């Protein structure tokens, strides 16, 4: 590019290779010998080679730099051997009208350009020209995109969820957020962004057992008591998620308890019974609750509570239809105690067995750190990426996988201080181990960075673990890691398409990148060639 927006190097040219339904991503480094204030990027042309005009308009973002302090844990693997060490790192994708850019003389600013390829696009080679201007000076960049005669499936194959924090003060200038505003932000600001990047599943926020109003009904003839629940919270939240994300694939309910990794107990709340076995009612607090430890047997009071709650919840969920004929029960999953270990497994099994006895239609999805969970009780086992090779699904179980602050070391994850390709190939690991779903706990946990994610993304956990989007005033901004995640989700679907033609060829393609959950080829040039090989294979079959 010419001054003042100039290139200090000879760029390496490559043709972007995409299927219809994918996103072609272009990253430009905008350089200015003499500096530039608020350079203006624009697309001059993008059309099949030999023609003129703009067939597809892109979304453009300036990449903002953030501090990411080192924070690794030896027990989780420690720092990766390919750790990227820098003063600051590009991650937030800022809309052009939300971020003023000044290019310091001799330095550059990265520009992120995304072309969402419509399914109606004609296949072939497209020529594009980007222009960046500053005052009277400007520079141009020519690029090429090949759109293959391949259509990404209309329905995404991988179920993807990032759990949300209910604390959204960072989206409200640091001020508190009441429930009405919180729902508004989730429905109208958060979901519309993340669903465009492949998130099609969500965790319920307030719809849980403790939030459901409860009372006791007594049969006047028999005197038999029955604990009743009001599921209005479920109707409100599930309806909201379905409206904001019509392609919703799965709902994750919050755990009903927590496990103690030292004692092995899971502490649950149960109803209080009087000496005659009657439910004691408190007019002020409704049904008083008392904590009961569970080891390998569920106390009577706890079973009465769980049995009443889940049998009625099952009936409620089954009574609400989805457009495709399924019900809310078909997309609902329940957690009992997050990340149970070997010592907690007996209590987990006891509680799950109790619930299944009263509500066999309720399905469980649990991030696990043990293989001692009974496979007939856990429908969707979800080990970490680092443990999935040694803890596969058994029997009729359906495999999930998750990452969090672990695994570290050279494993794939989404930490900022590691090469971006490792974020993308996380979903190649999903494919390698037949995982139909992927979970990460941190979508919007900005409180872990003291609500100041732009100052230092590292806080309570390693940088990139607590959130993968950034807050603006009542809006959010994506990140280059979220974009890489979407690319990996699309890769997963392409591998599935190859698998339908030849499982052996799909395995060969995947094996060029992921040999097992700990060994990968992260050479970018090899990866880009492989992507072209996959698209050419699909186009020819």
Protein backbone atom coordinates (compact mmCIF):
# COMPACT_ATOMS: atom_id res chain seq x y z
CA UNK A 1 0.00 0.00 0.00
CA UNK A 2 1.23 3.53 -0.68
CA UNK A 3 1.84 6.28 1.84
CA UNK A 4 0.52 7.21 4.31
CA UNK A 5 -1.06 3.77 4.51
CA UNK A 6 1.82 1.66 3.30
CA UNK A 7 3.12 -1.89 3.50
CA UNK A 8 6.55 -2.43 4.98
CA UNK A 9 6.78 -5.95 3.65
CA UNK A 10 5.98 -7.98 0.55
CA UNK A 11 2.64 -9.67 1.30
CA UNK A 12 2.16 -13.35 0.63
CA UNK A 13 -0.82 -13.90 -1.61
CA UNK A 14 -3.21 -16.79 -1.23
CA UNK A 15 -6.69 -17.58 -2.42
CA UNK A 16 -9.30 -17.93 0.32
CA UNK A 17 -11.25 -21.18 -0.11
CA UNK A 18 -14.84 -21.41 1.14
CA UNK A 19 -18.09 -23.26 0.65
CA UNK A 20 -21.43 -21.52 0.29
CA UNK A 21 -22.82 -20.78 3.73
CA UNK A 22 -19.35 -20.18 5.17
CA UNK A 23 -17.52 -16.95 5.97
CA UNK A 24 -14.41 -15.87 4.08
CA UNK A 25 -12.15 -13.95 6.47
CA UNK A 26 -9.47 -11.53 5.36
CA UNK A 27 -6.99 -9.90 7.72
CA UNK A 28 -5.08 -6.87 6.45
CA UNK A 29 -2.22 -5.13 8.20
CA UNK A 30 -2.60 -1.41 7.53
CA UNK A 31 0.74 0.35 7.75
CA UNK A 32 1.57 4.07 7.63
CA UNK A 33 5.10 5.42 7.27
CA UNK A 34 4.03 8.87 8.42
CA UNK A 35 1.12 7.86 10.62
CA UNK A 36 -2.57 8.19 9.91
CA UNK A 37 -5.60 9.35 11.90
CA UNK A 38 -8.82 7.38 11.44
CA UNK A 39 -7.99 5.67 8.14
CA UNK A 40 -11.11 4.74 6.18
CA UNK A 41 -11.36 1.23 4.74
CA UNK A 42 -13.79 0.45 1.95
CA UNK A 43 -14.50 -2.35 -0.47
CA UNK A 44 -13.95 -1.15 -4.02
CA UNK A 45 -15.02 -4.33 -5.77
CA UNK A 46 -15.82 -7.97 -5.14
CA UNK A 47 -17.16 -10.00 -8.05
CA UNK A 48 -16.38 -13.04 -10.18
CA UNK A 49 -13.03 -12.57 -11.90
CA UNK A 50 -13.47 -10.67 -15.14
CA UNK A 51 -16.54 -8.78 -13.94
CA UNK A 52 -17.05 -5.62 -11.96
CA UNK A 53 -19.11 -4.47 -9.01
CA UNK A 54 -19.74 -5.71 -5.50
CA UNK A 55 -21.57 -9.02 -5.24
CA UNK A 56 -21.15 -9.50 -1.48
CA UNK A 57 -20.68 -6.72 1.06
CA UNK A 58 -18.44 -7.59 4.01
CA UNK A 59 -18.51 -6.76 7.69
CA UNK A 60 -15.37 -4.87 8.70
CA UNK A 61 -13.79 -4.47 12.11
CA UNK A 62 -10.67 -2.92 13.51
CA UNK A 63 -8.83 -5.34 15.77
CA UNK A 64 -8.28 -3.79 19.16
CA UNK A 65 -5.25 -4.71 21.26
CA UNK A 66 -5.61 -5.81 24.87
CA UNK A 67 -3.21 -6.79 27.61
CA UNK A 68 -3.12 -10.47 28.48
CA UNK A 69 -0.91 -11.25 31.46
CA UNK A 70 0.53 -14.78 31.75
CA UNK A 71 -1.38 -17.09 34.08
CA UNK A 72 -0.72 -20.80 33.73
CA UNK A 73 -1.12 -23.69 36.16
CA UNK A 74 1.37 -26.52 36.29
CA UNK A 75 -1.32 -28.99 37.38
CA UNK A 76 -3.28 -28.18 34.19
CA UNK A 77 -0.27 -28.41 31.87
CA UNK A 78 1.38 -25.03 32.30
CA UNK A 79 2.46 -22.69 29.53
CA UNK A 80 2.35 -24.08 25.98
CA UNK A 81 5.62 -24.57 24.14
CA UNK A 82 4.29 -22.31 21.36
CA UNK A 83 3.14 -19.56 23.72
CA UNK A 84 2.97 -16.15 22.03
CA UNK A 85 4.74 -13.58 24.22
CA UNK A 86 3.95 -9.94 23.52
CA UNK A 87 3.04 -6.70 25.28
CA UNK A 88 -0.50 -6.67 23.91
CA UNK A 89 -2.61 -8.95 21.73
CA UNK A 90 -5.28 -8.33 19.08
CA UNK A 91 -8.60 -9.89 20.06
CA UNK A 92 -11.72 -7.65 20.24
CA UNK A 93 -13.32 -6.94 16.85
CA UNK A 94 -14.50 -3.35 16.99
CA UNK A 95 -17.06 -1.96 14.52
CA UNK A 96 -15.58 0.82 12.39
CA UNK A 97 -17.93 3.40 13.90
CA UNK A 98 -17.14 2.33 17.48
CA UNK A 99 -13.37 2.57 17.46
CA UNK A 100 -11.17 5.47 16.43
CA UNK A 101 -7.88 4.26 15.00
CA UNK A 102 -4.61 6.14 14.86
CA UNK A 103 -1.72 4.47 13.13
CA UNK A 104 1.58 5.40 14.75
CA UNK A 105 4.36 6.08 12.20
CA UNK A 106 6.15 2.86 11.37
CA UNK A 107 3.50 0.64 12.97
CA UNK A 108 0.39 -1.10 11.70
CA UNK A 109 -3.22 -1.79 12.71
CA UNK A 110 -4.97 -5.03 11.69
CA UNK A 111 -8.26 -4.83 9.80
CA UNK A 112 -10.62 -7.81 9.95
CA UNK A 113 -12.94 -8.33 6.95
CA UNK A 114 -15.65 -11.02 6.81
CA UNK A 115 -17.61 -12.03 3.71
CA UNK A 116 -20.64 -14.14 4.60
CA UNK A 117 -21.05 -16.27 1.49
CA UNK A 118 -24.73 -16.64 0.55
CA UNK A 119 -26.03 -20.03 -0.52
CA UNK A 120 -27.13 -18.46 -3.79
CA UNK A 121 -23.57 -17.40 -4.72
CA UNK A 122 -22.29 -18.73 -8.03
CA UNK A 123 -19.18 -20.90 -7.62
CA UNK A 124 -15.91 -19.69 -9.04
CA UNK A 125 -12.98 -17.37 -8.46
CA UNK A 126 -13.83 -13.92 -7.10
CA UNK A 127 -11.51 -10.93 -7.28
CA UNK A 128 -11.69 -8.28 -4.59
CA UNK A 129 -10.09 -4.93 -3.99
CA UNK A 130 -9.86 -3.19 -0.64
CA UNK A 131 -8.97 0.47 -0.34
CA UNK A 132 -7.78 2.29 2.77
CA UNK A 133 -7.66 6.10 2.74
CA UNK A 134 -6.28 8.75 5.03
CA UNK A 135 -6.73 12.32 3.86
CA UNK A 136 -5.60 12.59 0.25
CA UNK A 137 -3.53 9.41 0.41
CA UNK A 138 -4.76 5.88 -0.11
CA UNK A 139 -3.60 2.37 -0.78
CA UNK A 140 -5.24 -0.72 -2.26
CA UNK A 141 -4.99 -4.46 -1.77
CA UNK A 142 -6.09 -7.13 -4.24
CA UNK A 143 -7.31 -10.49 -2.95
CA UNK A 144 -9.04 -13.59 -4.30
CA UNK A 145 -11.75 -15.87 -2.91
CA UNK A 146 -12.72 -19.18 -4.48
CA UNK A 147 -16.28 -20.18 -3.74
CA UNK A 148 -16.63 -23.92 -4.27
CA UNK A 149 -19.74 -25.66 -5.55
CA UNK A 150 -20.29 -27.00 -2.04
CA UNK A 151 -23.10 -26.06 0.34
CA UNK A 152 -22.59 -26.09 4.08
CA UNK A 153 -25.56 -27.88 5.74
CA UNK A 154 -28.50 -25.61 6.56
CA UNK A 155 -28.54 -27.04 10.08
CA UNK A 156 -25.26 -26.87 11.98
CA UNK A 157 -24.20 -30.30 13.12
CA UNK A 158 -22.35 -29.36 16.31
CA UNK A 159 -24.26 -28.24 19.39
CA UNK A 160 -22.29 -25.34 20.87
CA UNK A 161 -22.83 -23.56 24.17
CA UNK A 162 -20.89 -20.93 26.12
CA UNK A 163 -22.41 -20.27 29.52
CA UNK A 164 -23.39 -16.69 30.30
CA UNK A 165 -22.82 -14.76 33.47
CA UNK A 166 -25.91 -13.01 34.78
CA UNK A 167 -23.73 -10.12 35.92
CA UNK A 168 -23.81 -7.78 32.91
CA UNK A 169 -22.74 -4.56 34.64
CA UNK A 170 -19.93 -4.16 32.09
CA UNK A 171 -22.64 -3.64 29.44
CA UNK A 172 -24.21 -0.87 31.51
CA UNK A 173 -21.26 1.44 32.27
CA UNK A 174 -20.53 -0.52 35.42
CA UNK A 175 -23.99 0.03 36.86
CA UNK A 176 -26.24 -2.69 38.17
CA UNK A 177 -28.57 -4.51 35.81
CA UNK A 178 -32.08 -5.42 36.94
CA UNK A 179 -33.84 -8.50 35.67
CA UNK A 180 -35.81 -6.78 32.89
CA UNK A 181 -32.69 -5.16 31.47
CA UNK A 182 -30.75 -8.39 31.83
CA UNK A 183 -33.28 -10.27 29.74
CA UNK A 184 -33.33 -7.46 27.20
CA UNK A 185 -29.53 -7.51 26.88
CA UNK A 186 -29.43 -11.29 26.52
CA UNK A 187 -32.21 -11.45 23.97
CA UNK A 188 -31.46 -8.39 21.87
CA UNK A 189 -27.71 -7.84 22.27
CA UNK A 190 -25.93 -11.08 23.18
CA UNK A 191 -27.82 -13.85 21.40
CA UNK A 192 -28.02 -12.10 17.98
CA UNK A 193 -24.21 -11.86 17.95
CA UNK A 194 -23.19 -15.28 19.26
CA UNK A 195 -25.70 -17.22 17.15
CA UNK A 196 -24.01 -15.75 14.06
CA UNK A 197 -20.80 -17.37 15.27
CA UNK A 198 -22.25 -20.83 15.79
CA UNK A 199 -23.69 -20.83 19.31
CA UNK A 200 -26.99 -22.70 19.11
CA UNK A 201 -27.42 -23.84 22.72
CA UNK A 202 -27.77 -21.87 25.96
CA UNK A 203 -27.75 -22.30 29.71
CA UNK A 204 -30.89 -21.27 31.58
CA UNK A 205 -30.21 -18.33 33.89
CA UNK A 206 -32.89 -18.22 36.60
CA UNK A 207 -35.20 -21.08 35.69
CA UNK A 208 -34.25 -23.62 38.34
CA UNK A 209 -35.67 -25.45 41.32
CA UNK A 210 -34.97 -22.72 43.86
CA UNK A 211 -36.68 -20.07 41.70
CA UNK A 212 -39.88 -22.05 41.26
CA UNK A 213 -42.66 -21.07 43.65
CA UNK A 214 -43.77 -24.10 45.69
CA UNK A 215 -46.66 -24.95 47.93
CA UNK A 216 -48.34 -27.95 49.49
CA UNK A 217 -51.67 -29.32 48.35
CA UNK A 218 -53.52 -31.76 50.57
CA UNK A 219 -56.11 -34.19 49.26
CA UNK A 220 -59.22 -33.47 51.41
CA UNK A 221 -60.33 -37.10 51.32
CA UNK A 222 -57.07 -38.96 51.90
CA UNK A 223 -55.06 -36.26 53.62
CA UNK A 224 -52.19 -37.08 51.27
CA UNK A 225 -49.84 -34.17 50.72
CA UNK A 226 -48.28 -33.19 47.42
CA UNK A 227 -45.58 -30.61 46.87
CA UNK A 228 -46.45 -28.39 43.87
CA UNK A 229 -44.30 -26.10 41.72
CA UNK A 230 -44.85 -23.12 39.45
CA UNK A 231 -42.72 -23.20 36.27
CA UNK A 232 -43.35 -19.66 35.06
CA UNK A 233 -39.61 -18.94 35.01
CA UNK A 234 -39.08 -21.83 32.64
CA UNK A 235 -41.77 -20.57 30.29
CA UNK A 236 -40.30 -17.08 30.31
CA UNK A 237 -36.71 -18.11 29.67
CA UNK A 238 -37.26 -20.95 27.22
CA UNK A 239 -39.66 -18.79 25.21
CA UNK A 240 -37.06 -16.02 25.11
CA UNK A 241 -34.29 -18.31 23.90
CA UNK A 242 -36.50 -19.83 21.21
CA UNK A 243 -37.57 -16.41 19.96
CA UNK A 244 -34.02 -15.04 19.84
CA UNK A 245 -32.51 -18.27 18.47
CA UNK A 246 -35.05 -20.24 16.39
CA UNK A 247 -32.38 -22.86 15.58
CA UNK A 248 -31.94 -23.57 19.33
CA UNK A 249 -30.56 -27.08 19.76
CA UNK A 250 -30.14 -27.60 23.49
CA UNK A 251 -30.89 -26.00 26.84
CA UNK A 252 -28.62 -26.58 29.82
CA UNK A 253 -30.18 -26.30 33.26
CA UNK A 254 -28.08 -25.18 36.20
CA UNK A 255 -26.89 -27.79 38.72
CA UNK A 256 -29.32 -28.63 41.50
CA UNK A 257 -26.44 -28.98 43.97
CA UNK A 258 -22.70 -28.82 44.44
CA UNK A 259 -20.24 -31.56 45.27
CA UNK A 260 -17.55 -31.57 47.94
CA UNK A 261 -14.34 -32.96 46.46
CA UNK A 262 -12.86 -33.61 49.89
CA UNK A 263 -15.68 -35.56 51.53
CA UNK A 264 -17.48 -36.89 48.46
CA UNK A 265 -20.82 -35.49 49.57
CA UNK A 266 -23.28 -33.61 47.44
CA UNK A 267 -25.38 -31.23 49.51
CA UNK A 268 -28.99 -30.94 48.46
CA UNK A 269 -31.91 -29.11 49.96
CA UNK A 270 -34.85 -31.19 51.08
CA UNK A 271 -38.24 -30.45 52.59
CA UNK A 272 -38.74 -30.65 56.35
CA UNK A 273 -41.13 -33.31 57.65
CA UNK A 274 -42.80 -33.26 61.04
CA UNK A 275 -42.94 -36.23 63.37
CA UNK A 276 -45.88 -37.74 61.47
CA UNK A 277 -44.09 -37.46 58.14
CA UNK A 278 -46.16 -34.46 57.09
CA UNK A 279 -44.59 -31.58 55.20
CA UNK A 280 -44.10 -28.66 57.56
CA UNK A 281 -45.32 -25.40 56.04
CA UNK A 282 -44.05 -21.96 56.98
CA UNK A 283 -46.46 -19.22 55.94
CA UNK A 284 -43.64 -16.71 55.54
CA UNK A 285 -41.10 -18.76 53.66
CA UNK A 286 -43.35 -21.26 51.92
CA UNK A 287 -41.80 -24.68 52.34
CA UNK A 288 -38.77 -24.45 54.63
CA UNK A 289 -35.70 -26.16 53.26
CA UNK A 290 -32.88 -27.91 55.03
CA UNK A 291 -29.51 -29.06 53.71
CA UNK A 292 -29.05 -32.82 53.47
CA UNK A 293 -25.72 -34.48 52.64
CA UNK A 294 -25.91 -37.22 50.04
CA UNK A 295 -23.15 -39.80 49.73
CA UNK A 296 -24.53 -42.95 48.12
CA UNK A 297 -28.13 -42.84 49.34
CA UNK A 298 -30.77 -40.14 48.96
CA UNK A 299 -32.61 -39.20 52.19
CA UNK A 300 -36.38 -39.58 52.15
CA UNK A 301 -37.02 -35.85 52.37
CA UNK A 302 -34.72 -35.15 49.43
CA UNK A 303 -36.39 -37.82 47.31
CA UNK A 304 -39.80 -36.31 48.05
CA UNK A 305 -38.55 -32.96 46.83
CA UNK A 306 -36.71 -34.25 43.76
CA UNK A 307 -39.50 -36.62 42.82
CA UNK A 308 -42.18 -33.94 42.99
CA UNK A 309 -40.11 -31.31 41.23
CA UNK A 310 -38.77 -33.34 38.33
CA UNK A 311 -41.93 -35.33 37.64
CA UNK A 312 -43.88 -32.06 37.35
CA UNK A 313 -41.09 -30.41 35.35
CA UNK A 314 -41.06 -33.34 32.94
CA UNK A 315 -44.81 -33.03 32.45
CA UNK A 316 -44.53 -29.26 31.96
CA UNK A 317 -41.73 -29.50 29.38
CA UNK A 318 -43.47 -32.29 27.47
CA UNK A 319 -46.64 -30.18 27.17
CA UNK A 320 -44.89 -27.47 25.11
CA UNK A 321 -44.40 -28.22 21.43
CA UNK A 322 -41.63 -27.13 19.10
CA UNK A 323 -42.34 -26.31 15.43
CA UNK A 324 -40.78 -29.60 14.29
CA UNK A 325 -43.09 -31.69 16.49
CA UNK A 326 -40.68 -32.27 19.35
CA UNK A 327 -41.24 -30.80 22.78
CA UNK A 328 -39.22 -28.69 25.18
CA UNK A 329 -38.36 -31.92 26.98
CA UNK A 330 -36.40 -33.05 23.91
CA UNK A 331 -33.98 -30.11 24.13
CA UNK A 332 -33.72 -29.89 27.93
CA UNK A 333 -30.70 -31.25 29.81
CA UNK A 334 -30.10 -31.19 33.56
CA UNK A 335 -26.89 -30.88 35.56
CA UNK A 336 -26.63 -32.33 39.07
CA UNK A 337 -23.23 -31.18 40.31
CA UNK A 338 -20.69 -29.53 38.04
CA UNK A 339 -17.49 -31.51 37.34
CA UNK A 340 -18.00 -34.52 39.62
CA UNK A 341 -14.80 -36.40 40.52
CA UNK A 342 -14.24 -40.04 41.51
CA UNK A 343 -15.02 -39.30 45.14
CA UNK A 344 -18.27 -37.46 44.29
CA UNK A 345 -19.44 -40.06 41.73
CA UNK A 346 -21.40 -42.29 44.20
CA UNK A 347 -23.50 -39.35 45.40
CA UNK A 348 -24.00 -38.19 41.79
CA UNK A 349 -25.20 -41.67 40.82
CA UNK A 350 -27.61 -41.81 43.77
CA UNK A 351 -29.22 -38.47 42.93
CA UNK A 352 -29.43 -39.18 39.19
CA UNK A 353 -31.00 -42.58 39.90
CA UNK A 354 -33.55 -40.95 42.18
CA UNK A 355 -34.54 -38.40 39.54
CA UNK A 356 -34.66 -40.98 36.73
CA UNK A 357 -37.03 -43.10 38.84
CA UNK A 358 -39.56 -40.28 39.05
CA UNK A 359 -38.86 -38.55 35.73
CA UNK A 360 -37.27 -40.95 33.24
CA UNK A 361 -37.59 -38.41 30.42
CA UNK A 362 -35.19 -35.93 32.02
CA UNK A 363 -31.76 -36.18 30.39
CA UNK A 364 -28.47 -35.32 32.11
CA UNK A 365 -25.51 -33.50 30.56
CA UNK A 366 -22.56 -33.02 32.89
CA UNK A 367 -18.98 -31.80 32.60
CA UNK A 368 -17.17 -34.69 34.29
CA UNK A 369 -13.76 -35.45 35.79
CA UNK A 370 -14.43 -39.12 36.42
CA UNK A 371 -15.35 -42.32 34.58
CA UNK A 372 -17.19 -43.73 37.59
CA UNK A 373 -20.56 -42.22 36.63
CA UNK A 374 -23.08 -44.92 35.71
CA UNK A 375 -23.51 -44.76 31.91
CA UNK A 376 -27.23 -45.54 32.14
CA UNK A 377 -27.72 -42.39 34.23
CA UNK A 378 -25.61 -39.85 32.35
CA UNK A 379 -27.02 -39.25 28.86
CA UNK A 380 -24.42 -36.73 27.66
CA UNK A 381 -20.98 -37.22 29.26
CA UNK A 382 -18.81 -34.14 28.77
CA UNK A 383 -15.13 -34.70 29.63
CA UNK A 384 -12.48 -32.08 28.92
CA UNK A 385 -10.54 -32.09 25.66
CA UNK A 386 -7.55 -33.29 27.65
CA UNK A 387 -9.42 -36.28 29.11
CA UNK A 388 -11.74 -37.28 26.26
CA UNK A 389 -9.38 -39.93 24.86
CA UNK A 390 -9.49 -41.84 28.15
CA UNK A 391 -13.13 -41.18 29.01
CA UNK A 392 -15.25 -41.91 25.93
CA UNK A 393 -19.01 -42.33 25.84
CA UNK A 394 -20.25 -45.79 26.81
CA UNK A 395 -23.36 -47.75 25.90
CA UNK A 396 -26.11 -45.44 24.69
CA UNK A 397 -24.37 -42.28 25.87
CA UNK A 398 -23.88 -39.38 23.45
CA UNK A 399 -20.48 -37.70 23.55
CA UNK A 400 -19.91 -34.04 24.46
CA UNK A 401 -16.60 -32.28 25.12
CA UNK A 402 -15.59 -29.13 26.96
CA UNK A 403 -12.65 -26.85 27.58
CA UNK A 404 -12.14 -24.38 30.40
CA UNK A 405 -9.02 -23.29 32.29
CA UNK A 406 -7.82 -26.75 31.42
CA UNK A 407 -6.29 -28.37 29.54
CA UNK A 408 -3.28 -26.10 29.24
CA UNK A 409 0.17 -26.99 27.96
CA UNK A 410 0.19 -27.89 24.26
CA UNK A 411 -3.47 -28.92 24.11
CA UNK A 412 -5.93 -27.04 21.92
CA UNK A 413 -7.96 -24.42 23.75
CA UNK A 414 -9.02 -20.82 23.24
CA UNK A 415 -6.47 -18.95 25.34
CA UNK A 416 -5.19 -15.69 23.84
CA UNK A 417 -1.52 -16.44 24.42
CA UNK A 418 -1.53 -19.44 22.07
CA UNK A 419 -1.68 -19.62 18.24
CA UNK A 420 -5.14 -18.90 16.91
CA UNK A 421 -5.24 -22.10 14.89
CA UNK A 422 -5.48 -24.07 18.14
CA UNK A 423 -8.79 -22.39 18.86
CA UNK A 424 -10.07 -23.46 15.46
CA UNK A 425 -8.92 -27.07 15.62
CA UNK A 426 -10.67 -27.59 18.95
CA UNK A 427 -13.64 -28.63 16.83
CA UNK A 428 -11.47 -31.01 14.82
CA UNK A 429 -10.87 -32.75 18.16
CA UNK A 430 -14.66 -32.82 18.58
CA UNK A 431 -14.89 -34.62 15.25
CA UNK A 432 -12.03 -37.01 16.02
CA UNK A 433 -13.81 -38.24 19.18
CA UNK A 434 -17.40 -38.26 17.84
CA UNK A 435 -18.54 -35.42 20.09
CA UNK A 436 -21.87 -33.95 19.00
CA UNK A 437 -21.60 -31.01 21.38
CA UNK A 438 -19.07 -28.56 22.75
CA UNK A 439 -19.30 -26.61 25.99
CA UNK A 440 -17.32 -23.75 27.47
CA UNK A 441 -18.25 -22.10 30.74
CA UNK A 442 -17.15 -18.56 29.91
CA UNK A 443 -19.01 -16.34 27.47
CA UNK A 444 -19.47 -13.11 29.44
CA UNK A 445 -17.70 -13.49 32.80
CA UNK A 446 -16.14 -10.04 32.67
CA UNK A 447 -16.33 -9.80 36.46
CA UNK A 448 -13.37 -12.19 36.51
CA UNK A 449 -11.32 -9.34 35.02
CA UNK A 450 -12.78 -6.77 37.44
CA UNK A 451 -15.23 -5.62 34.72
CA UNK A 452 -12.29 -4.12 32.81
CA UNK A 453 -11.58 -6.68 30.08
CA UNK A 454 -9.88 -4.17 27.78
CA UNK A 455 -7.26 -3.36 30.42
CA UNK A 456 -6.22 -6.97 31.04
CA UNK A 457 -8.20 -9.98 29.91
CA UNK A 458 -6.41 -12.15 32.47
CA UNK A 459 -7.95 -12.09 35.91
CA UNK A 460 -9.21 -15.04 37.90
CA UNK A 461 -8.38 -17.44 35.06
CA UNK A 462 -6.03 -17.50 32.05
CA UNK A 463 -6.63 -14.84 29.41
CA UNK A 464 -9.37 -15.93 27.04
CA UNK A 465 -11.00 -18.40 29.42
CA UNK A 466 -13.60 -16.18 31.08
CA UNK A 467 -15.07 -14.56 27.97
CA UNK A 468 -14.87 -14.70 24.21
CA UNK A 469 -16.89 -11.53 23.53
CA UNK A 470 -16.30 -7.99 24.77
CA UNK A 471 -18.77 -5.50 26.29
CA UNK A 472 -19.90 -2.19 24.86
CA UNK A 473 -22.70 -0.04 26.18
CA UNK A 474 -25.67 -2.42 25.95
CA UNK A 475 -24.01 -4.35 23.15
CA UNK A 476 -21.21 -6.86 22.69
CA UNK A 477 -18.36 -7.19 20.22
CA UNK A 478 -17.00 -10.48 18.88
CA UNK A 479 -13.35 -11.52 18.94
CA UNK A 480 -10.93 -13.08 16.53
CA UNK A 481 -11.13 -16.21 18.72
CA UNK A 482 -14.91 -16.34 18.30
CA UNK A 483 -14.41 -16.06 14.54
CA UNK A 484 -11.85 -18.89 14.66
CA UNK A 485 -14.34 -20.96 16.64
CA UNK A 486 -16.95 -20.45 13.91
CA UNK A 487 -14.44 -21.54 11.27
CA UNK A 488 -13.78 -24.71 13.27
CA UNK A 489 -17.52 -25.39 13.61
CA UNK A 490 -17.81 -25.13 9.82
CA UNK A 491 -14.80 -27.43 9.42
CA UNK A 492 -16.63 -29.97 11.59
CA UNK A 493 -19.62 -29.87 9.23
CA UNK A 494 -17.40 -30.27 6.16
CA UNK A 495 -15.75 -33.33 7.71
CA UNK A 496 -19.20 -34.74 8.42
CA UNK A 497 -20.09 -34.19 4.76
CA UNK A 498 -16.97 -36.09 3.70
CA UNK A 499 -17.86 -38.84 6.18
CA UNK A 500 -21.21 -39.38 4.44
CA UNK A 501 -19.28 -40.13 1.23
CA UNK A 502 -16.30 -41.94 2.72
CA UNK A 503 -15.62 -42.36 6.45
CA UNK A 504 -12.09 -43.43 5.59
CA UNK A 505 -11.41 -40.22 3.67
CA UNK A 506 -12.88 -38.09 6.48
CA UNK A 507 -10.62 -39.86 8.94
CA UNK A 508 -7.62 -39.27 6.67
CA UNK A 509 -8.41 -35.57 6.30
CA UNK A 510 -8.91 -35.11 10.06
CA UNK A 511 -5.75 -37.07 10.80
CA UNK A 512 -3.65 -34.57 8.88
CA UNK A 513 -4.48 -32.02 11.59
CA UNK A 514 -5.46 -33.98 14.71
CA UNK A 515 -3.68 -37.26 15.33
CA UNK A 516 -5.17 -37.53 18.81
CA UNK A 517 -6.45 -35.15 21.46
CA UNK A 518 -2.90 -34.06 22.34
CA UNK A 519 -1.04 -34.16 19.01
CA UNK A 520 -1.69 -31.77 16.11
CA UNK A 521 -0.20 -30.29 12.99
CA UNK A 522 -0.62 -26.54 13.42
CA UNK A 523 1.32 -25.46 10.32
CA UNK A 524 -0.94 -22.84 8.75
CA UNK A 525 0.19 -23.41 5.16
CA UNK A 526 -0.52 -27.15 5.48
CA UNK A 527 -3.88 -26.41 7.04
CA UNK A 528 -4.94 -24.05 4.26
CA UNK A 529 -3.98 -26.62 1.63
CA UNK A 530 -5.97 -29.26 3.49
CA UNK A 531 -9.05 -27.02 3.49
CA UNK A 532 -8.78 -26.73 -0.29
CA UNK A 533 -8.35 -30.50 -0.61
CA UNK A 534 -11.55 -31.07 1.41
CA UNK A 535 -13.56 -28.61 -0.67
CA UNK A 536 -12.23 -30.03 -3.92
CA UNK A 537 -13.12 -33.53 -2.75
CA UNK A 538 -16.67 -32.50 -1.87
CA UNK A 539 -17.07 -30.57 -5.11
CA UNK A 540 -16.03 -33.61 -7.15
CA UNK A 541 -18.37 -35.98 -5.32
